[in-house]
């Protein structure tokens, strides 16, 4: 059924003219992508990238916003398909201001065990950027938006596309590779990952809420049982193009969220930024990360003399 729906919508999508207001360029250079994220108080080393590439189009890219409801102005994009529209492959900036179409590319890049553990499912089409970093302060933070084509028809199903920001290093304890913990979390929860079925708003067919059901299914995802109808995540969800045409392809996405963690100054940490499809390889998801937002607080030191005769 999912493949049939994809085919039908794609036929309509061929009619679309792309009036992109979010400019995206494919980029598979790990150093360029990582350095684009870096702001004050952070130094990075050893960047690596493992994303799908289809006919030269990478699952990763750089974006710059002309006008959009995305909430970010520029940065990098990691996707389970291709980042930029090019050569017949639709990226995150296709379509806009037009009839329905679908962004769905199979990269065949395989899955990731950490994402599989995080979502309790099989993962595909992974895209991963990772690097080491050192901070001058005692915390690290960055801003991001998660979006997906899975919204509307596949919320509260096994097609629960997911991503994670896996942080490891001194003082960090978690169940993922290298003792890492996931810091891409639904606001208000220390355990609930951001995914299709964790940030959404229920509605019926045709509802502007982009969830084709009336259910709250937070318990479907490990670590999210604290959320329910009375404690929902509607405030963090944007139904893209429900009332006016959207400027990116994904049917739904989050508001701007912040990932953050305490760290030990001048110590080396590792972060793995990863996203994947779940259950199948159809319909793409992407995470936009704000340029220069990967930053640390600044700690001031005052030299005090004259104590004990010094």
C-alpha atoms as a PDB file:
ATOM      1  CA  UNK A   1       0.000   0.000   0.000  1.00  0.00           C
ATOM      2  CA  UNK A   2       2.816   2.397   0.854  1.00  0.00           C
ATOM      3  CA  UNK A   3       4.578   1.785  -2.480  1.00  0.00           C
ATOM      4  CA  UNK A   4       1.316   2.305  -4.396  1.00  0.00           C
ATOM      5  CA  UNK A   5       0.698   5.634  -2.658  1.00  0.00           C
ATOM      6  CA  UNK A   6       4.253   6.710  -3.450  1.00  0.00           C
ATOM      7  CA  UNK A   7       3.754   5.955  -7.160  1.00  0.00           C
ATOM      8  CA  UNK A   8       0.438   7.806  -7.412  1.00  0.00           C
ATOM      9  CA  UNK A   9       1.683  10.924  -5.674  1.00  0.00           C
ATOM     10  CA  UNK A  10       4.896  10.945  -7.710  1.00  0.00           C
ATOM     11  CA  UNK A  11       2.880  11.171 -10.952  1.00  0.00           C
ATOM     12  CA  UNK A  12       1.327  14.407  -9.728  1.00  0.00           C
ATOM     13  CA  UNK A  13       4.704  15.615  -8.507  1.00  0.00           C
ATOM     14  CA  UNK A  14       6.158  15.539 -12.026  1.00  0.00           C
ATOM     15  CA  UNK A  15       4.026  18.593 -12.813  1.00  0.00           C
ATOM     16  CA  UNK A  16       5.671  20.745 -10.122  1.00  0.00           C
ATOM     17  CA  UNK A  17       7.820  23.773 -10.876  1.00  0.00           C
ATOM     18  CA  UNK A  18      10.391  24.368  -8.179  1.00  0.00           C
ATOM     19  CA  UNK A  19      10.188  27.876  -6.698  1.00  0.00           C
ATOM     20  CA  UNK A  20      12.643  27.064  -3.936  1.00  0.00           C
ATOM     21  CA  UNK A  21      12.971  29.526  -1.103  1.00  0.00           C
ATOM     22  CA  UNK A  22      15.381  27.246   0.730  1.00  0.00           C
ATOM     23  CA  UNK A  23      18.555  26.785  -1.301  1.00  0.00           C
ATOM     24  CA  UNK A  24      20.270  23.430  -0.753  1.00  0.00           C
ATOM     25  CA  UNK A  25      23.537  22.218  -2.277  1.00  0.00           C
ATOM     26  CA  UNK A  26      24.812  18.665  -2.057  1.00  0.00           C
ATOM     27  CA  UNK A  27      28.011  18.291  -0.047  1.00  0.00           C
ATOM     28  CA  UNK A  28      29.792  15.120   1.074  1.00  0.00           C
ATOM     29  CA  UNK A  29      32.870  16.760   2.599  1.00  0.00           C
ATOM     30  CA  UNK A  30      32.897  15.924   6.310  1.00  0.00           C
ATOM     31  CA  UNK A  31      35.238  18.783   7.261  1.00  0.00           C
ATOM     32  CA  UNK A  32      33.127  21.397   5.462  1.00  0.00           C
ATOM     33  CA  UNK A  33      29.914  20.154   7.044  1.00  0.00           C
ATOM     34  CA  UNK A  34      31.361  19.959  10.553  1.00  0.00           C
ATOM     35  CA  UNK A  35      33.062  23.352  10.382  1.00  0.00           C
ATOM     36  CA  UNK A  36      29.802  24.930   9.207  1.00  0.00           C
ATOM     37  CA  UNK A  37      28.257  23.931  12.533  1.00  0.00           C
ATOM     38  CA  UNK A  38      31.044  25.229  14.773  1.00  0.00           C
ATOM     39  CA  UNK A  39      30.484  28.382  16.789  1.00  0.00           C
ATOM     40  CA  UNK A  40      32.237  29.920  19.787  1.00  0.00           C
ATOM     41  CA  UNK A  41      34.106  27.908  22.406  1.00  0.00           C
ATOM     42  CA  UNK A  42      34.416  24.666  20.411  1.00  0.00           C
ATOM     43  CA  UNK A  43      37.297  23.099  18.484  1.00  0.00           C
ATOM     44  CA  UNK A  44      36.671  20.000  16.348  1.00  0.00           C
ATOM     45  CA  UNK A  45      38.915  17.279  14.906  1.00  0.00           C
ATOM     46  CA  UNK A  46      38.620  14.000  12.963  1.00  0.00           C
ATOM     47  CA  UNK A  47      35.321  14.605  11.111  1.00  0.00           C
ATOM     48  CA  UNK A  48      33.916  11.672   9.112  1.00  0.00           C
ATOM     49  CA  UNK A  49      30.799  11.280   6.977  1.00  0.00           C
ATOM     50  CA  UNK A  50      28.838   8.137   6.066  1.00  0.00           C
ATOM     51  CA  UNK A  51      25.829   9.101   3.936  1.00  0.00           C
ATOM     52  CA  UNK A  52      24.235   7.684   0.829  1.00  0.00           C
ATOM     53  CA  UNK A  53      25.179   9.088  -2.584  1.00  0.00           C
ATOM     54  CA  UNK A  54      22.880   8.579  -5.583  1.00  0.00           C
ATOM     55  CA  UNK A  55      24.159   9.635  -9.031  1.00  0.00           C
ATOM     56  CA  UNK A  56      26.495  12.118  -7.362  1.00  0.00           C
ATOM     57  CA  UNK A  57      23.802  13.533  -5.080  1.00  0.00           C
ATOM     58  CA  UNK A  58      24.721  13.229  -1.408  1.00  0.00           C
ATOM     59  CA  UNK A  59      22.425  12.591   1.519  1.00  0.00           C
ATOM     60  CA  UNK A  60      24.155  15.558   3.170  1.00  0.00           C
ATOM     61  CA  UNK A  61      24.255  19.191   2.113  1.00  0.00           C
ATOM     62  CA  UNK A  62      24.423  22.860   2.973  1.00  0.00           C
ATOM     63  CA  UNK A  63      21.310  25.020   3.130  1.00  0.00           C
ATOM     64  CA  UNK A  64      20.588  28.734   3.039  1.00  0.00           C
ATOM     65  CA  UNK A  65      17.134  30.215   3.639  1.00  0.00           C
ATOM     66  CA  UNK A  66      15.721  33.030   1.507  1.00  0.00           C
ATOM     67  CA  UNK A  67      12.226  32.890   2.992  1.00  0.00           C
ATOM     68  CA  UNK A  68      10.750  29.984   4.933  1.00  0.00           C
ATOM     69  CA  UNK A  69       8.766  28.793   7.920  1.00  0.00           C
ATOM     70  CA  UNK A  70      11.686  26.498   8.804  1.00  0.00           C
ATOM     71  CA  UNK A  71      12.916  28.734  11.630  1.00  0.00           C
ATOM     72  CA  UNK A  72      16.603  28.502  10.689  1.00  0.00           C
ATOM     73  CA  UNK A  73      18.646  30.736   8.387  1.00  0.00           C
ATOM     74  CA  UNK A  74      21.468  28.447   7.257  1.00  0.00           C
ATOM     75  CA  UNK A  75      23.433  25.339   8.175  1.00  0.00           C
ATOM     76  CA  UNK A  76      23.771  21.701   7.175  1.00  0.00           C
ATOM     77  CA  UNK A  77      21.241  19.021   6.295  1.00  0.00           C
ATOM     78  CA  UNK A  78      21.479  15.258   6.844  1.00  0.00           C
ATOM     79  CA  UNK A  79      18.853  13.122   5.097  1.00  0.00           C
ATOM     80  CA  UNK A  80      17.847   9.527   4.441  1.00  0.00           C
ATOM     81  CA  UNK A  81      17.590  10.378   0.732  1.00  0.00           C
ATOM     82  CA  UNK A  82      19.371  13.157  -1.142  1.00  0.00           C
ATOM     83  CA  UNK A  83      19.692  16.638   0.302  1.00  0.00           C
ATOM     84  CA  UNK A  84      19.334  18.677  -2.894  1.00  0.00           C
ATOM     85  CA  UNK A  85      17.003  18.366  -5.861  1.00  0.00           C
ATOM     86  CA  UNK A  86      19.160  17.499  -8.868  1.00  0.00           C
ATOM     87  CA  UNK A  87      19.096  15.282 -11.931  1.00  0.00           C
ATOM     88  CA  UNK A  88      15.603  13.896 -11.398  1.00  0.00           C
ATOM     89  CA  UNK A  89      16.113  13.133  -7.706  1.00  0.00           C
ATOM     90  CA  UNK A  90      14.001  15.181  -5.302  1.00  0.00           C
ATOM     91  CA  UNK A  91      15.654  16.675  -2.252  1.00  0.00           C
ATOM     92  CA  UNK A  92      14.329  18.533   0.766  1.00  0.00           C
ATOM     93  CA  UNK A  93      13.650  21.712  -1.236  1.00  0.00           C
ATOM     94  CA  UNK A  94      11.207  19.998  -3.645  1.00  0.00           C
ATOM     95  CA  UNK A  95       8.393  20.665  -4.273  1.00  0.00           C
ATOM     96  CA  UNK A  96       7.259  24.071  -3.108  1.00  0.00           C
ATOM     97  CA  UNK A  97       4.244  26.149  -4.019  1.00  0.00           C
ATOM     98  CA  UNK A  98       2.798  23.279  -6.031  1.00  0.00           C
ATOM     99  CA  UNK A  99       0.617  20.154  -5.949  1.00  0.00           C
ATOM    100  CA  UNK A 100       1.520  17.130  -3.800  1.00  0.00           C
ATOM    101  CA  UNK A 101       4.686  15.234  -4.554  1.00  0.00           C
ATOM    102  CA  UNK A 102       6.901  12.859  -2.644  1.00  0.00           C
ATOM    103  CA  UNK A 103      10.515  13.024  -1.587  1.00  0.00           C
ATOM    104  CA  UNK A 104      11.696   9.425  -1.509  1.00  0.00           C
ATOM    105  CA  UNK A 105      15.101   8.126  -2.585  1.00  0.00           C
ATOM    106  CA  UNK A 106      16.619   4.760  -1.683  1.00  0.00           C
ATOM    107  CA  UNK A 107      20.339   5.221  -1.024  1.00  0.00           C
ATOM    108  CA  UNK A 108      20.930   1.604   0.093  1.00  0.00           C
ATOM    109  CA  UNK A 109      23.419   2.872   2.661  1.00  0.00           C
ATOM    110  CA  UNK A 110      22.340   0.375   5.332  1.00  0.00           C
ATOM    111  CA  UNK A 111      21.308   0.905   8.923  1.00  0.00           C
ATOM    112  CA  UNK A 112      22.874   1.978  12.195  1.00  0.00           C
ATOM    113  CA  UNK A 113      22.853  -0.123  15.406  1.00  0.00           C
ATOM    114  CA  UNK A 114      22.545   2.901  17.706  1.00  0.00           C
ATOM    115  CA  UNK A 115      19.496   4.210  15.855  1.00  0.00           C
ATOM    116  CA  UNK A 116      18.036   0.693  15.855  1.00  0.00           C
ATOM    117  CA  UNK A 117      18.458   0.490  19.617  1.00  0.00           C
ATOM    118  CA  UNK A 118      17.047   3.986  20.083  1.00  0.00           C
ATOM    119  CA  UNK A 119      13.839   3.283  18.163  1.00  0.00           C
ATOM    120  CA  UNK A 120      13.598  -0.498  18.676  1.00  0.00           C
ATOM    121  CA  UNK A 121      13.340  -1.131  14.948  1.00  0.00           C
ATOM    122  CA  UNK A 122      15.205  -1.914  11.720  1.00  0.00           C
ATOM    123  CA  UNK A 123      16.947   1.050  10.131  1.00  0.00           C
ATOM    124  CA  UNK A 124      17.934   1.881   6.541  1.00  0.00           C
ATOM    125  CA  UNK A 125      19.483   4.644   4.405  1.00  0.00           C
ATOM    126  CA  UNK A 126      21.601   6.020   7.236  1.00  0.00           C
ATOM    127  CA  UNK A 127      23.394   9.363   7.075  1.00  0.00           C
ATOM    128  CA  UNK A 128      25.984  10.009   9.785  1.00  0.00           C
ATOM    129  CA  UNK A 129      28.343  12.898  10.514  1.00  0.00           C
ATOM    130  CA  UNK A 130      30.661  12.470  13.490  1.00  0.00           C
ATOM    131  CA  UNK A 131      33.693  14.215  14.961  1.00  0.00           C
ATOM    132  CA  UNK A 132      35.706  14.811  18.139  1.00  0.00           C
ATOM    133  CA  UNK A 133      35.529  18.148  19.909  1.00  0.00           C
ATOM    134  CA  UNK A 134      36.881  20.096  22.877  1.00  0.00           C
ATOM    135  CA  UNK A 135      35.052  22.949  24.612  1.00  0.00           C
ATOM    136  CA  UNK A 136      36.275  25.918  26.596  1.00  0.00           C
ATOM    137  CA  UNK A 137      33.143  25.881  28.761  1.00  0.00           C
ATOM    138  CA  UNK A 138      31.229  23.335  30.814  1.00  0.00           C
ATOM    139  CA  UNK A 139      28.385  22.792  28.328  1.00  0.00           C
ATOM    140  CA  UNK A 140      27.747  22.252  24.630  1.00  0.00           C
ATOM    141  CA  UNK A 141      24.607  23.048  22.620  1.00  0.00           C
ATOM    142  CA  UNK A 142      23.245  23.372  19.086  1.00  0.00           C
ATOM    143  CA  UNK A 143      19.920  24.040  17.345  1.00  0.00           C
ATOM    144  CA  UNK A 144      18.088  21.864  14.821  1.00  0.00           C
ATOM    145  CA  UNK A 145      14.812  21.042  13.045  1.00  0.00           C
ATOM    146  CA  UNK A 146      13.672  17.512  12.171  1.00  0.00           C
ATOM    147  CA  UNK A 147      11.301  16.953   9.254  1.00  0.00           C
ATOM    148  CA  UNK A 148       9.855  14.020   7.329  1.00  0.00           C
ATOM    149  CA  UNK A 149       7.660  12.826   4.489  1.00  0.00           C
ATOM    150  CA  UNK A 150       6.390  10.108   6.845  1.00  0.00           C
ATOM    151  CA  UNK A 151       4.189  12.666   8.593  1.00  0.00           C
ATOM    152  CA  UNK A 152       0.463  12.580   7.952  1.00  0.00           C
ATOM    153  CA  UNK A 153       0.049   9.020   6.653  1.00  0.00           C
ATOM    154  CA  UNK A 154       2.524   7.102   8.799  1.00  0.00           C
ATOM    155  CA  UNK A 155       2.512   8.720  12.224  1.00  0.00           C
ATOM    156  CA  UNK A 156       1.790   6.063  14.871  1.00  0.00           C
ATOM    157  CA  UNK A 157       3.031   3.223  12.661  1.00  0.00           C
ATOM    158  CA  UNK A 158       6.227   1.185  12.391  1.00  0.00           C
ATOM    159  CA  UNK A 159       7.559   3.708   9.840  1.00  0.00           C
ATOM    160  CA  UNK A 160       8.887   5.783  12.721  1.00  0.00           C
ATOM    161  CA  UNK A 161      11.897   7.486  11.095  1.00  0.00           C
ATOM    162  CA  UNK A 162      14.364   8.657  13.700  1.00  0.00           C
ATOM    163  CA  UNK A 163      17.637  10.409  14.322  1.00  0.00           C
ATOM    164  CA  UNK A 164      19.988  10.730  17.269  1.00  0.00           C
ATOM    165  CA  UNK A 165      22.803  12.931  18.512  1.00  0.00           C
ATOM    166  CA  UNK A 166      25.027  10.455  20.339  1.00  0.00           C
ATOM    167  CA  UNK A 167      27.485  12.100  22.739  1.00  0.00           C
ATOM    168  CA  UNK A 168      30.329  10.186  24.407  1.00  0.00           C
ATOM    169  CA  UNK A 169      33.324  11.143  26.529  1.00  0.00           C
ATOM    170  CA  UNK A 170      34.346  11.902  30.139  1.00  0.00           C
ATOM    171  CA  UNK A 171      31.421  11.768  32.556  1.00  0.00           C
ATOM    172  CA  UNK A 172      28.949  10.543  29.921  1.00  0.00           C
ATOM    173  CA  UNK A 173      27.114   7.283  30.589  1.00  0.00           C
ATOM    174  CA  UNK A 174      24.688   5.767  28.106  1.00  0.00           C
ATOM    175  CA  UNK A 175      23.673   2.527  26.338  1.00  0.00           C
ATOM    176  CA  UNK A 176      25.023   3.407  22.888  1.00  0.00           C
ATOM    177  CA  UNK A 177      28.394   2.848  21.209  1.00  0.00           C
ATOM    178  CA  UNK A 178      31.289   4.023  23.373  1.00  0.00           C
ATOM    179  CA  UNK A 179      28.975   4.606  26.341  1.00  0.00           C
ATOM    180  CA  UNK A 180      27.225   7.410  24.457  1.00  0.00           C
ATOM    181  CA  UNK A 181      23.896   9.012  25.353  1.00  0.00           C
ATOM    182  CA  UNK A 182      21.359  10.551  22.979  1.00  0.00           C
ATOM    183  CA  UNK A 183      20.844  14.304  23.417  1.00  0.00           C
ATOM    184  CA  UNK A 184      18.223  14.741  20.642  1.00  0.00           C
ATOM    185  CA  UNK A 185      15.257  14.638  23.000  1.00  0.00           C
ATOM    186  CA  UNK A 186      11.674  15.850  23.090  1.00  0.00           C
ATOM    187  CA  UNK A 187      11.575  18.965  25.323  1.00  0.00           C
ATOM    188  CA  UNK A 188      10.701  18.061  28.886  1.00  0.00           C
ATOM    189  CA  UNK A 189      11.916  14.473  28.662  1.00  0.00           C
ATOM    190  CA  UNK A 190      15.315  12.974  29.549  1.00  0.00           C
ATOM    191  CA  UNK A 191      14.579   9.789  27.586  1.00  0.00           C
ATOM    192  CA  UNK A 192      12.181  10.373  24.655  1.00  0.00           C
ATOM    193  CA  UNK A 193      13.891  10.659  21.234  1.00  0.00           C
ATOM    194  CA  UNK A 194      12.603  12.991  18.533  1.00  0.00           C
ATOM    195  CA  UNK A 195      10.846  10.893  15.865  1.00  0.00           C
ATOM    196  CA  UNK A 196       7.728  10.694  13.657  1.00  0.00           C
ATOM    197  CA  UNK A 197       5.565   9.384  16.487  1.00  0.00           C
ATOM    198  CA  UNK A 198       6.985  11.489  19.314  1.00  0.00           C
ATOM    199  CA  UNK A 199       6.565  15.058  18.008  1.00  0.00           C
ATOM    200  CA  UNK A 200       3.233  15.358  16.170  1.00  0.00           C
ATOM    201  CA  UNK A 201      -0.353  16.473  16.665  1.00  0.00           C
ATOM    202  CA  UNK A 202      -3.288  14.079  16.135  1.00  0.00           C
ATOM    203  CA  UNK A 203      -6.067  14.829  13.663  1.00  0.00           C
ATOM    204  CA  UNK A 204      -8.232  13.185  11.049  1.00  0.00           C
ATOM    205  CA  UNK A 205      -7.934  12.865   7.255  1.00  0.00           C
ATOM    206  CA  UNK A 206      -7.340  16.310   5.801  1.00  0.00           C
ATOM    207  CA  UNK A 207      -6.567  17.752   9.207  1.00  0.00           C
ATOM    208  CA  UNK A 208      -4.021  20.597   9.331  1.00  0.00           C
ATOM    209  CA  UNK A 209      -2.299  18.617  12.065  1.00  0.00           C
ATOM    210  CA  UNK A 210      -0.545  16.309   9.572  1.00  0.00           C
ATOM    211  CA  UNK A 211      -1.384  13.167  11.515  1.00  0.00           C
ATOM    212  CA  UNK A 212      -3.890  10.934   9.752  1.00  0.00           C
ATOM    213  CA  UNK A 213      -5.359   9.522  12.961  1.00  0.00           C
ATOM    214  CA  UNK A 214      -6.913  10.639  16.220  1.00  0.00           C
ATOM    215  CA  UNK A 215      -4.488   8.798  18.456  1.00  0.00           C
ATOM    216  CA  UNK A 216      -1.725   9.733  20.833  1.00  0.00           C
ATOM    217  CA  UNK A 217       0.885   7.014  20.407  1.00  0.00           C
ATOM    218  CA  UNK A 218       3.838   8.257  22.443  1.00  0.00           C
ATOM    219  CA  UNK A 219       4.135   4.940  24.269  1.00  0.00           C
ATOM    220  CA  UNK A 220       4.904   3.331  20.907  1.00  0.00           C
ATOM    221  CA  UNK A 221       8.476   4.710  21.185  1.00  0.00           C
ATOM    222  CA  UNK A 222      10.865   3.621  23.971  1.00  0.00           C
ATOM    223  CA  UNK A 223      11.319   6.278  26.651  1.00  0.00           C
ATOM    224  CA  UNK A 224       8.238   8.334  25.717  1.00  0.00           C
ATOM    225  CA  UNK A 225       5.595   6.938  28.074  1.00  0.00           C
ATOM    226  CA  UNK A 226       5.354  10.189  30.065  1.00  0.00           C
ATOM    227  CA  UNK A 227       3.587  11.918  27.152  1.00  0.00           C
ATOM    228  CA  UNK A 228      -0.161  11.566  26.611  1.00  0.00           C
ATOM    229  CA  UNK A 229      -3.227  13.539  25.478  1.00  0.00           C
ATOM    230  CA  UNK A 230      -2.880  15.891  28.425  1.00  0.00           C
ATOM    231  CA  UNK A 231       0.884  16.195  28.107  1.00  0.00           C
ATOM    232  CA  UNK A 232       1.319  16.211  24.335  1.00  0.00           C
ATOM    233  CA  UNK A 233       3.901  17.572  21.896  1.00  0.00           C
ATOM    234  CA  UNK A 234       1.624  19.616  19.596  1.00  0.00           C
ATOM    235  CA  UNK A 235       3.433  22.834  20.555  1.00  0.00           C
ATOM    236  CA  UNK A 236       6.635  21.514  18.987  1.00  0.00           C
ATOM    237  CA  UNK A 237       5.120  20.501  15.634  1.00  0.00           C
ATOM    238  CA  UNK A 238       4.641  22.391  12.357  1.00  0.00           C
ATOM    239  CA  UNK A 239       2.347  20.993   9.656  1.00  0.00           C
ATOM    240  CA  UNK A 240       4.157  22.248   6.578  1.00  0.00           C
ATOM    241  CA  UNK A 241       1.892  23.485   3.793  1.00  0.00           C
ATOM    242  CA  UNK A 242      -1.364  22.640   5.579  1.00  0.00           C
ATOM    243  CA  UNK A 243      -2.808  26.119   5.094  1.00  0.00           C
ATOM    244  CA  UNK A 244      -0.285  27.857   2.820  1.00  0.00           C
ATOM    245  CA  UNK A 245       2.317  26.256   0.531  1.00  0.00           C
ATOM    246  CA  UNK A 246       5.461  25.167   2.307  1.00  0.00           C
ATOM    247  CA  UNK A 247       9.012  26.058   1.359  1.00  0.00           C
ATOM    248  CA  UNK A 248      10.526  22.636   1.980  1.00  0.00           C
ATOM    249  CA  UNK A 249       9.254  19.254   0.862  1.00  0.00           C
ATOM    250  CA  UNK A 250       8.675  17.468   4.156  1.00  0.00           C
ATOM    251  CA  UNK A 251       4.998  17.380   5.130  1.00  0.00           C
ATOM    252  CA  UNK A 252       5.749  18.003   8.779  1.00  0.00           C
ATOM    253  CA  UNK A 253       8.640  19.163  10.891  1.00  0.00           C
ATOM    254  CA  UNK A 254       9.485  20.306  14.411  1.00  0.00           C
ATOM    255  CA  UNK A 255       9.923  23.815  15.671  1.00  0.00           C
ATOM    256  CA  UNK A 256      13.539  24.762  16.329  1.00  0.00           C
ATOM    257  CA  UNK A 257      14.794  22.481  19.088  1.00  0.00           C
ATOM    258  CA  UNK A 258      18.006  22.574  21.106  1.00  0.00           C
ATOM    259  CA  UNK A 259      20.310  19.687  21.973  1.00  0.00           C
ATOM    260  CA  UNK A 260      22.577  20.335  24.935  1.00  0.00           C
ATOM    261  CA  UNK A 261      24.683  18.631  27.562  1.00  0.00           C
ATOM    262  CA  UNK A 262      27.122  19.330  30.348  1.00  0.00           C
ATOM    263  CA  UNK A 263      30.755  18.569  29.514  1.00  0.00           C
ATOM    264  CA  UNK A 264      34.133  18.953  31.198  1.00  0.00           C
ATOM    265  CA  UNK A 265      36.097  21.909  29.825  1.00  0.00           C
ATOM    266  CA  UNK A 266      39.247  21.103  27.809  1.00  0.00           C
ATOM    267  CA  UNK A 267      38.321  17.393  27.618  1.00  0.00           C
ATOM    268  CA  UNK A 268      37.851  15.497  24.361  1.00  0.00           C
ATOM    269  CA  UNK A 269      34.334  14.326  23.456  1.00  0.00           C
ATOM    270  CA  UNK A 270      32.857  12.576  20.446  1.00  0.00           C
ATOM    271  CA  UNK A 271      29.509  13.279  18.805  1.00  0.00           C
ATOM    272  CA  UNK A 272      27.697  11.205  16.197  1.00  0.00           C
ATOM    273  CA  UNK A 273      24.870  12.939  14.326  1.00  0.00           C
ATOM    274  CA  UNK A 274      22.803  10.170  12.714  1.00  0.00           C
ATOM    275  CA  UNK A 275      19.479   9.757  10.889  1.00  0.00           C
ATOM    276  CA  UNK A 276      17.793   6.795   9.194  1.00  0.00           C
ATOM    277  CA  UNK A 277      14.604   5.445   7.726  1.00  0.00           C
ATOM    278  CA  UNK A 278      12.818   2.891   9.917  1.00  0.00           C
ATOM    279  CA  UNK A 279      11.139  -0.364   8.789  1.00  0.00           C
ATOM    280  CA  UNK A 280      11.499   0.444   5.069  1.00  0.00           C
ATOM    281  CA  UNK A 281      13.485   2.671   2.688  1.00  0.00           C
ATOM    282  CA  UNK A 282      10.534   4.655   1.336  1.00  0.00           C
ATOM    283  CA  UNK A 283       9.855   8.330   2.169  1.00  0.00           C
ATOM    284  CA  UNK A 284      12.739  10.526   3.272  1.00  0.00           C
ATOM    285  CA  UNK A 285      13.425  12.323   6.529  1.00  0.00           C
ATOM    286  CA  UNK A 286      15.970  15.028   7.267  1.00  0.00           C
ATOM    287  CA  UNK A 287      17.489  17.021  10.089  1.00  0.00           C
ATOM    288  CA  UNK A 288      18.541  20.649   9.580  1.00  0.00           C
ATOM    289  CA  UNK A 289      21.298  21.868  11.917  1.00  0.00           C
ATOM    290  CA  UNK A 290      21.860  25.597  12.395  1.00  0.00           C
ATOM    291  CA  UNK A 291      25.179  27.068  11.264  1.00  0.00           C
ATOM    292  CA  UNK A 292      27.564  28.113  14.033  1.00  0.00           C
ATOM    293  CA  UNK A 293      25.180  26.900  16.730  1.00  0.00           C
ATOM    294  CA  UNK A 294      27.470  24.067  17.912  1.00  0.00           C
ATOM    295  CA  UNK A 295      28.930  26.134  20.713  1.00  0.00           C
ATOM    296  CA  UNK A 296      29.988  26.252  24.348  1.00  0.00           C
ATOM    297  CA  UNK A 297      29.563  28.761  27.110  1.00  0.00           C
ATOM    298  CA  UNK A 298      32.527  30.925  28.050  1.00  0.00           C
ATOM    299  CA  UNK A 299      33.982  30.627  31.528  1.00  0.00           C
ATOM    300  CA  UNK A 300      35.762  33.677  32.919  1.00  0.00           C
ATOM    301  CA  UNK A 301      38.798  33.318  35.178  1.00  0.00           C
ATOM    302  CA  UNK A 302      40.028  36.007  37.569  1.00  0.00           C
ATOM    303  CA  UNK A 303      43.567  35.901  38.934  1.00  0.00           C
ATOM    304  CA  UNK A 304      43.557  36.772  42.625  1.00  0.00           C
ATOM    305  CA  UNK A 305      46.867  37.754  44.202  1.00  0.00           C
ATOM    306  CA  UNK A 306      47.898  38.747  47.680  1.00  0.00           C
ATOM    307  CA  UNK A 307      46.493  35.652  49.405  1.00  0.00           C
ATOM    308  CA  UNK A 308      48.672  34.106  52.159  1.00  0.00           C
ATOM    309  CA  UNK A 309      51.494  36.437  51.283  1.00  0.00           C
ATOM    310  CA  UNK A 310      51.568  35.422  47.584  1.00  0.00           C
END
